[in-house]
Amino acid sequence: MTTAKQDRTVLLLGASRGIGLGLVDEYLNRGWRVIATQRSLAPVPALAQRVEAANGALTVLSADINRPDDLAALSQQLAGTTLDLLFVVAGVSDDPSQTIGQISTEEFHHLMVTNALSPMRALEQLGQHVSPDGSLAVMTSALGSISGNTSGGYETYRASKAALNMLLRSYAVRAGGGRSILALMPGWVKTDMGGPDAPVEVKDSTAGLADTIAKHAGQPGLAFVDYQGTPIAW
């Protein structure tokens, strides 16, 4: 872990495992100050180990993005902190073979709230802490591209990410200002969600995501791109 003085700060929402945890490592190694959230109130071992090794560069806070009160409390904890990047990483998936006619109302609600409503609530609540020329990002998927859906499958997951993309576009029109706003596709990554057959390693995805964010930093407006910086059709 870096011991250099940190002059940039990132807030990663949903950083206890997978790509989120990989982004913690990536930004620490790039010399950033990292604020990472976990849902659990008890320390997550993987994050706790990194706190010990990060020499003050990593702060871990508890927040469940599906709980508006948690987001409000997190905003209060961030009082006086200016973020260079706010990145909502948290998200869930379901059985990709499950059709819209098969999914229960409860599961549909959970998927839509976690993947679309809650990330946007996080931007609304926490965007005030991002500098006027900073960056805001959400983790989406190419599966959320309406024009790109030529194969079907992942029906509800696609719908949740398409909803996120649409809400982000509305947000960008209303509140973008001079900031870079990104809908980011991490690739098919070898995580618990992506599975062991995924072709992209976490370290390659996170390095690419950080590079892509850096490339767009300081450029006002909205972009839908993958971890290699390739534009994706909405």
Protein backbone atom coordinates (compact mmCIF):
# COMPACT_ATOMS: atom_id res chain seq x y z
CA MET A 1 0.00 0.00 0.00
CA THR A 2 1.15 3.53 -0.72
CA THR A 3 2.55 5.79 1.99
CA ALA A 4 2.52 8.92 -0.19
CA LYS A 5 0.51 11.97 0.80
CA GLN A 6 -2.97 11.74 -0.63
CA ASP A 7 -4.28 14.83 -2.47
CA ARG A 8 -7.31 13.22 -4.13
CA THR A 9 -10.23 11.48 -2.47
CA VAL A 10 -12.61 8.81 -3.74
CA LEU A 11 -15.75 7.45 -2.11
CA LEU A 12 -16.50 3.88 -3.15
CA LEU A 13 -19.99 2.69 -2.25
CA GLY A 14 -20.02 -1.11 -2.01
CA ALA A 15 -16.37 -1.99 -1.53
CA SER A 16 -16.25 -5.06 0.70
CA ARG A 17 -15.63 -7.61 -2.06
CA GLY A 18 -15.22 -8.21 -5.78
CA ILE A 19 -14.72 -5.21 -8.02
CA GLY A 20 -15.36 -2.78 -5.18
CA LEU A 21 -12.55 -4.26 -3.10
CA GLY A 22 -10.34 -4.29 -6.18
CA LEU A 23 -11.01 -0.58 -6.66
CA VAL A 24 -9.94 0.04 -3.07
CA ASP A 25 -6.57 -1.53 -3.88
CA GLU A 26 -6.31 0.28 -7.21
CA TYR A 27 -6.88 3.74 -5.81
CA LEU A 28 -4.69 3.18 -2.78
CA ASN A 29 -1.90 2.11 -5.11
CA ARG A 30 -2.46 5.29 -7.13
CA GLY A 31 -1.95 7.42 -4.04
CA TRP A 32 -5.56 8.42 -3.42
CA ARG A 33 -7.30 8.77 -0.10
CA VAL A 34 -10.04 6.13 -0.16
CA ILE A 35 -13.33 6.14 1.72
CA ALA A 36 -14.97 2.73 1.31
CA THR A 37 -18.37 1.57 2.47
CA GLN A 38 -19.59 -1.82 3.59
CA ARG A 39 -23.13 -2.88 4.49
CA SER A 40 -22.12 -4.71 7.66
CA LEU A 41 -21.64 -2.86 10.94
CA ALA A 42 -19.03 -5.44 11.93
CA PRO A 43 -15.60 -5.05 10.33
CA VAL A 44 -15.19 -6.93 7.05
CA PRO A 45 -11.84 -8.76 7.37
CA ALA A 46 -10.63 -7.91 3.87
CA LEU A 47 -11.19 -4.19 4.44
CA ALA A 48 -9.91 -4.25 8.02
CA GLN A 49 -6.62 -5.74 6.81
CA ARG A 50 -6.27 -2.99 4.24
CA VAL A 51 -6.94 -0.28 6.80
CA GLU A 52 -4.01 -1.52 8.86
CA ALA A 53 -1.71 -1.51 5.84
CA ALA A 54 -2.84 1.79 4.33
CA ASN A 55 -1.18 4.17 6.81
CA GLY A 56 -4.23 6.36 7.20
CA ALA A 57 -5.15 6.46 3.52
CA LEU A 58 -8.22 4.20 3.90
CA THR A 59 -11.37 4.91 5.89
CA VAL A 60 -14.17 2.34 6.11
CA LEU A 61 -17.73 3.41 6.88
CA SER A 62 -20.92 1.40 7.15
CA ALA A 63 -23.83 2.16 4.81
CA ASP A 64 -26.47 0.14 3.01
CA ILE A 65 -27.42 2.08 -0.13
CA ASN A 66 -30.92 0.62 0.07
CA ARG A 67 -31.48 2.49 3.33
CA PRO A 68 -32.04 6.24 2.79
CA ASP A 69 -31.24 6.90 6.45
CA ASP A 70 -27.83 5.32 5.95
CA LEU A 71 -27.13 7.63 3.01
CA ALA A 72 -28.19 10.65 5.04
CA ALA A 73 -25.94 9.58 7.92
CA LEU A 74 -23.06 9.00 5.51
CA SER A 75 -23.53 12.50 4.11
CA GLN A 76 -23.24 13.91 7.63
CA GLN A 77 -20.06 11.91 8.20
CA LEU A 78 -18.62 13.44 5.03
CA ALA A 79 -19.22 17.01 6.18
CA GLY A 80 -16.13 19.05 5.37
CA THR A 81 -14.80 16.42 2.93
CA THR A 82 -14.42 17.25 -0.75
CA LEU A 83 -14.55 14.25 -3.07
CA ASP A 84 -12.79 14.08 -6.40
CA LEU A 85 -14.73 10.94 -7.30
CA LEU A 86 -17.96 9.38 -6.10
CA PHE A 87 -18.35 5.85 -7.49
CA VAL A 88 -21.44 3.75 -6.76
CA VAL A 89 -20.24 0.18 -7.22
CA ALA A 90 -22.91 -1.77 -5.36
CA GLY A 91 -25.34 -3.93 -7.32
CA VAL A 92 -27.00 -7.35 -7.48
CA SER A 93 -27.97 -9.90 -10.10
CA ASP A 94 -30.52 -12.68 -10.41
CA ASP A 95 -30.85 -15.96 -12.29
CA PRO A 96 -30.09 -14.96 -15.91
CA SER A 97 -32.45 -17.61 -17.27
CA GLN A 98 -35.40 -16.33 -15.24
CA THR A 99 -37.98 -14.57 -17.40
CA ILE A 100 -40.04 -11.57 -16.41
CA GLY A 101 -43.03 -13.89 -16.09
CA GLN A 102 -41.22 -16.05 -13.55
CA ILE A 103 -39.64 -13.54 -11.19
CA SER A 104 -41.44 -12.83 -7.93
CA THR A 105 -42.62 -9.33 -7.14
CA GLU A 106 -40.29 -9.25 -4.14
CA GLU A 107 -37.21 -10.17 -6.15
CA PHE A 108 -38.12 -7.73 -8.93
CA HIS A 109 -38.48 -4.99 -6.36
CA HIS A 110 -35.13 -5.85 -4.74
CA LEU A 111 -33.32 -5.84 -8.09
CA MET A 112 -34.80 -2.55 -9.23
CA VAL A 113 -34.25 -0.80 -5.92
CA THR A 114 -30.65 -2.00 -5.54
CA ASN A 115 -29.55 -1.48 -9.15
CA ALA A 116 -31.49 1.64 -10.18
CA LEU A 117 -33.18 3.57 -7.38
CA SER A 118 -30.52 3.31 -4.68
CA PRO A 119 -27.51 4.32 -6.83
CA MET A 120 -29.40 7.43 -7.94
CA ARG A 121 -30.43 8.23 -4.39
CA ALA A 122 -26.74 7.99 -3.50
CA LEU A 123 -25.81 10.50 -6.19
CA GLU A 124 -28.59 12.83 -5.09
CA GLN A 125 -27.60 12.62 -1.43
CA LEU A 126 -23.81 12.56 -1.76
CA GLY A 127 -23.16 14.49 -4.96
CA GLN A 128 -22.98 17.71 -2.96
CA HIS A 129 -19.63 16.54 -1.59
CA VAL A 130 -18.06 16.17 -5.06
CA SER A 131 -15.96 19.09 -6.25
CA PRO A 132 -17.38 21.21 -9.10
CA ASP A 133 -14.87 19.66 -11.51
CA GLY A 134 -14.96 16.18 -9.96
CA SER A 135 -16.41 12.93 -11.28
CA LEU A 136 -19.49 10.86 -10.50
CA ALA A 137 -19.83 7.27 -11.65
CA VAL A 138 -22.19 4.34 -11.38
CA MET A 139 -21.48 0.72 -12.19
CA THR A 140 -23.80 -0.38 -14.96
CA SER A 141 -23.60 -3.01 -17.69
CA ALA A 142 -23.67 -3.29 -21.45
CA LEU A 143 -26.67 -5.53 -20.78
CA GLY A 144 -28.49 -2.31 -19.95
CA SER A 145 -28.14 -1.09 -23.52
CA ILE A 146 -31.59 -1.17 -25.15
CA SER A 147 -30.22 -0.87 -28.68
CA GLY A 148 -27.65 -3.56 -27.92
CA ASN A 149 -30.14 -6.18 -26.75
CA THR A 150 -30.23 -8.59 -29.65
CA SER A 151 -29.91 -11.84 -27.70
CA GLY A 152 -32.35 -11.56 -24.80
CA GLY A 153 -31.67 -13.26 -21.49
CA TYR A 154 -30.89 -11.53 -18.18
CA GLU A 155 -34.32 -9.95 -18.52
CA THR A 156 -34.79 -8.29 -15.16
CA TYR A 157 -31.10 -7.50 -14.70
CA ARG A 158 -31.09 -5.80 -18.12
CA ALA A 159 -34.18 -3.83 -17.16
CA SER A 160 -32.64 -2.67 -13.88
CA LYS A 161 -29.49 -1.42 -15.59
CA ALA A 162 -31.46 0.20 -18.41
CA ALA A 163 -33.49 2.00 -15.75
CA LEU A 164 -30.27 3.12 -14.05
CA ASN A 165 -28.92 4.42 -17.35
CA MET A 166 -32.09 6.39 -18.06
CA LEU A 167 -32.20 7.90 -14.58
CA LEU A 168 -28.52 8.85 -14.87
CA ARG A 169 -29.19 10.65 -18.16
CA SER A 170 -31.96 12.65 -16.52
CA TYR A 171 -29.69 13.44 -13.57
CA ALA A 172 -26.92 14.60 -15.90
CA VAL A 173 -29.27 17.06 -17.63
CA ARG A 174 -30.53 18.41 -14.33
CA ALA A 175 -27.46 18.45 -12.10
CA GLY A 176 -24.36 17.77 -14.19
CA GLY A 177 -22.77 21.21 -14.26
CA GLY A 178 -19.07 20.97 -15.00
CA ARG A 179 -18.59 17.46 -13.69
CA SER A 180 -17.83 14.24 -15.53
CA ILE A 181 -20.65 11.71 -15.14
CA LEU A 182 -19.98 8.11 -16.13
CA ALA A 183 -22.02 4.96 -16.61
CA LEU A 184 -19.29 2.33 -16.41
CA MET A 185 -19.24 -1.26 -17.63
CA PRO A 186 -16.57 -3.29 -15.78
CA GLY A 187 -16.49 -6.17 -18.24
CA TRP A 188 -17.40 -9.75 -17.47
CA VAL A 189 -15.25 -10.08 -14.36
CA LYS A 190 -14.19 -13.14 -12.41
CA THR A 191 -16.05 -12.42 -9.16
CA ASP A 192 -18.80 -14.12 -7.14
CA MET A 193 -21.32 -12.42 -9.43
CA GLY A 194 -19.41 -12.95 -12.67
CA GLY A 195 -18.46 -16.55 -11.94
CA PRO A 196 -15.24 -18.53 -12.46
CA ASP A 197 -15.55 -18.63 -16.25
CA ALA A 198 -15.45 -14.84 -16.67
CA PRO A 199 -12.55 -13.78 -18.90
CA VAL A 200 -11.57 -10.56 -17.10
CA GLU A 201 -9.55 -10.52 -13.88
CA VAL A 202 -10.51 -8.06 -11.14
CA LYS A 203 -7.15 -6.28 -11.32
CA ASP A 204 -7.49 -5.72 -15.06
CA SER A 205 -11.04 -4.42 -14.74
CA THR A 206 -10.24 -2.05 -11.89
CA ALA A 207 -7.11 -0.68 -13.54
CA GLY A 208 -9.10 -0.07 -16.72
CA LEU A 209 -11.95 1.57 -14.83
CA ALA A 210 -9.56 3.91 -13.01
CA ASP A 211 -7.80 4.79 -16.28
CA THR A 212 -11.13 5.48 -17.98
CA ILE A 213 -12.32 7.69 -15.12
CA ALA A 214 -9.02 9.59 -15.22
CA LYS A 215 -9.33 10.10 -18.97
CA HIS A 216 -12.78 11.68 -18.57
CA ALA A 217 -11.90 13.73 -15.48
CA GLY A 218 -12.37 17.43 -16.07
CA GLN A 219 -14.55 16.80 -19.13
CA PRO A 220 -18.14 17.86 -18.34
CA GLY A 221 -20.95 15.65 -19.54
CA LEU A 222 -22.20 12.09 -19.57
CA ALA A 223 -20.61 9.00 -21.11
CA PHE A 224 -21.53 5.30 -21.21
CA VAL A 225 -18.26 3.40 -21.61
CA ASP A 226 -16.63 0.11 -20.69
CA TYR A 227 -13.50 -0.45 -18.60
CA GLN A 228 -11.35 -0.05 -21.70
CA GLY A 229 -12.88 3.32 -22.51
CA THR A 230 -14.96 2.01 -25.44
CA PRO A 231 -18.30 3.84 -25.86
CA ILE A 232 -21.45 1.72 -25.49
CA ALA A 233 -24.69 2.50 -27.31
CA TRP A 234 -27.51 3.54 -25.01
